[in-house]
Amino acid sequence: MEGILANKKILVMGVANKRSIAWGCAQEMTKQGATVIYTYQNERMKKSVQRLVDDDNRLIECDVASDDSINQAFTTIKDRFGQVDGLVHAIAYAKKEELAGSILDTTRDGYALDQDISAYSLIAVTKAAHQLDLLKQPASIVTLTYFGSERAIPNYNVMGVAKAALEANVRYLARDMGPFGVRVNAISAGAMKTLAVTGIHGHSDLLKLSKSRTVDDQSVTLPEIGGTCAFLMSDLSTGVVGDVIYVDKGVHLI
């Protein structure tokens, strides 16, 4: 039986290791029949992704801090695979020292870096994909956000501000990409023990608090988040545009 993503090609940006939400999304989309293409930031990150993906042809270097790198990567992808049906943006970064204590300790450079990598990069990759005609019609773009965009989560600080900007980017991109048959949405994933979360001071307390506020006292899983991503990449979701979908077992309700 074919899955809901049969014959679709999806680009996933941001896999770091097997605990990455991006990897959970990639696995569920693969189960639904998609061919998944991966980007990695540099050679060090490539080694991590190679532990999960044994096909180097589907691994393409891309540093989202550089427009030239994005253009080169997307040109390579189009040359190898043709147009793709979707793009998963799962990229964020902040200096570890910015993810502790008071937001008053945020530096100007740290703030700018976080905004560039965590928020602006969604615009950058969407722009490049559009200009290079990488995306089919219809196509889907999904990014990952977190509840800290709306609430002052302890120690999340500058990343919460970046996620708020990211969600605003989703709405404006959804408006401007809609005429080209491209829908843009975000998944607000519940707190999980990922590489990104472990960079937050006191992350263990954050994970415990998040679990305690789920409706069934069970943390959300990678397959649950990945399943929602697969749906958003499928033709079943063509009416879902510019939304933030919560996949956190109800944490945002409280």
Foldseek 3Di string as FASTA:
>chain_A
DAALQAPFEEEEEDDQACQALSNLLVVLLVVNHYHYAYEAADPVSVVRVCVVDVDCLRYFYAHLLDLVRLLVRLVSCCVSPNAGQEYEAEWFDAPLVCQADDLVPDDPVRLVVRLSTLACSVVSNVVSCVVVVRHDAQHEYEYEAAPLLPDVPHSCRSNSVSRVNNLVVQQVCLVVCVVVRYAYEYEHEADDPDPVLVSHPPSVVVNCVLLVQAPVSDWFDSNQSSVVSSCRGGPVCSVDHSYYHYRTNCSVVD
